[in-house]
Amino acid sequence: MDKQELKRRAHDLDVTVWVGKSGIDSVVDELDDQLSDRDLVKVKLLRASRAGSSTEEKAADLADRVDAELIETRGHTAVVHR
């Protein structure tokens, strides 16, 4: 499936993982579990989690940690695919 199709499918998804002040370490296991059940997951990176980094940097790091692909970021929301 190409990225355009994945982006279309992700449009109607609800955010199911929120990254807060505890950072991405606290959600790695949860995201991994969700990616085991479905191939697309939307992640919201709250301001406290970014700590001076960009949403793209944090989302890419999170995707790497769960061996997934970062499909897109829009605002402070990322879509991850495995």
Protein backbone atom coordinates (compact mmCIF):
# COMPACT_ATOMS: atom_id res chain seq x y z
CA MET A 1 0.00 0.00 0.00
CA ASP A 2 1.45 3.39 -0.93
CA LYS A 3 1.77 6.41 1.36
CA GLN A 4 -1.10 8.28 -0.30
CA GLU A 5 -3.50 5.43 0.39
CA LEU A 6 -2.27 5.16 3.99
CA LYS A 7 -2.77 8.91 4.47
CA ARG A 8 -6.33 8.62 3.14
CA ARG A 9 -7.09 5.77 5.53
CA ALA A 10 -5.53 7.65 8.44
CA HIS A 11 -7.68 10.72 7.88
CA ASP A 12 -10.70 9.22 9.65
CA LEU A 13 -8.75 7.55 12.48
CA ASP A 14 -9.04 8.80 16.02
CA VAL A 15 -5.94 9.49 18.10
CA THR A 16 -5.34 6.48 20.34
CA VAL A 17 -1.90 7.29 21.76
CA TRP A 18 -1.10 10.54 23.57
CA VAL A 19 2.49 11.46 24.41
CA GLY A 20 2.62 13.75 27.43
CA LYS A 21 5.21 15.10 29.84
CA SER A 22 6.55 11.60 30.55
CA GLY A 23 7.85 11.54 26.98
CA ILE A 24 7.89 8.86 24.33
CA ASP A 25 9.49 6.25 26.61
CA SER A 26 6.20 5.90 28.45
CA VAL A 27 4.17 5.03 25.32
CA VAL A 28 6.51 2.74 23.37
CA ASP A 29 4.93 -0.47 24.70
CA GLU A 30 1.38 0.82 24.18
CA LEU A 31 2.09 1.86 20.60
CA ASP A 32 3.77 -1.47 19.90
CA ASP A 33 0.69 -3.31 21.23
CA GLN A 34 -1.67 -1.19 19.12
CA LEU A 35 0.42 -1.76 15.99
CA SER A 36 0.14 -5.49 16.61
CA ASP A 37 -3.66 -5.18 16.39
CA ARG A 38 -3.91 -2.71 13.51
CA ASP A 39 -1.58 -1.36 10.87
CA LEU A 40 -2.20 2.39 11.36
CA VAL A 41 -2.12 4.34 14.62
CA LYS A 42 -2.51 8.07 15.20
CA VAL A 43 -0.31 9.62 17.90
CA LYS A 44 -0.76 13.07 19.45
CA LEU A 45 2.38 14.72 20.82
CA LEU A 46 1.39 17.21 23.51
CA ARG A 47 3.51 20.32 24.08
CA ALA A 48 5.11 18.97 27.25
CA SER A 49 6.45 15.94 25.40
CA ARG A 50 8.24 17.91 22.70
CA ALA A 51 10.59 19.82 25.05
CA GLY A 52 12.14 21.98 22.35
CA SER A 53 12.20 19.28 19.65
CA SER A 54 9.97 19.25 16.62
CA THR A 55 6.99 16.96 16.27
CA GLU A 56 8.67 15.31 13.28
CA GLU A 57 11.81 14.47 15.29
CA LYS A 58 9.89 13.00 18.20
CA ALA A 59 7.51 11.07 15.94
CA ALA A 60 10.38 9.63 13.89
CA ASP A 61 12.15 8.55 17.08
CA LEU A 62 8.98 6.88 18.36
CA ALA A 63 8.42 5.09 15.04
CA ASP A 64 12.02 3.81 15.08
CA ARG A 65 11.59 2.44 18.59
CA VAL A 66 8.62 0.29 17.56
CA ASP A 67 10.09 -0.71 14.19
CA ALA A 68 7.41 1.15 12.25
CA GLU A 69 7.23 3.74 9.50
CA LEU A 70 6.25 7.36 10.05
CA ILE A 71 3.63 8.06 7.37
CA GLU A 72 3.02 11.74 8.07
CA THR A 73 2.88 14.45 10.68
CA ARG A 74 0.30 17.17 10.63
CA GLY A 75 0.41 19.78 13.35
CA HIS A 76 1.29 17.81 16.47
CA THR A 77 -0.25 14.56 15.29
CA ALA A 78 1.65 11.71 13.65
CA VAL A 79 0.52 8.61 11.78
CA VAL A 80 2.58 5.44 12.25
CA HIS A 81 2.31 2.30 10.11
CA ARG A 82 3.65 -1.25 10.42
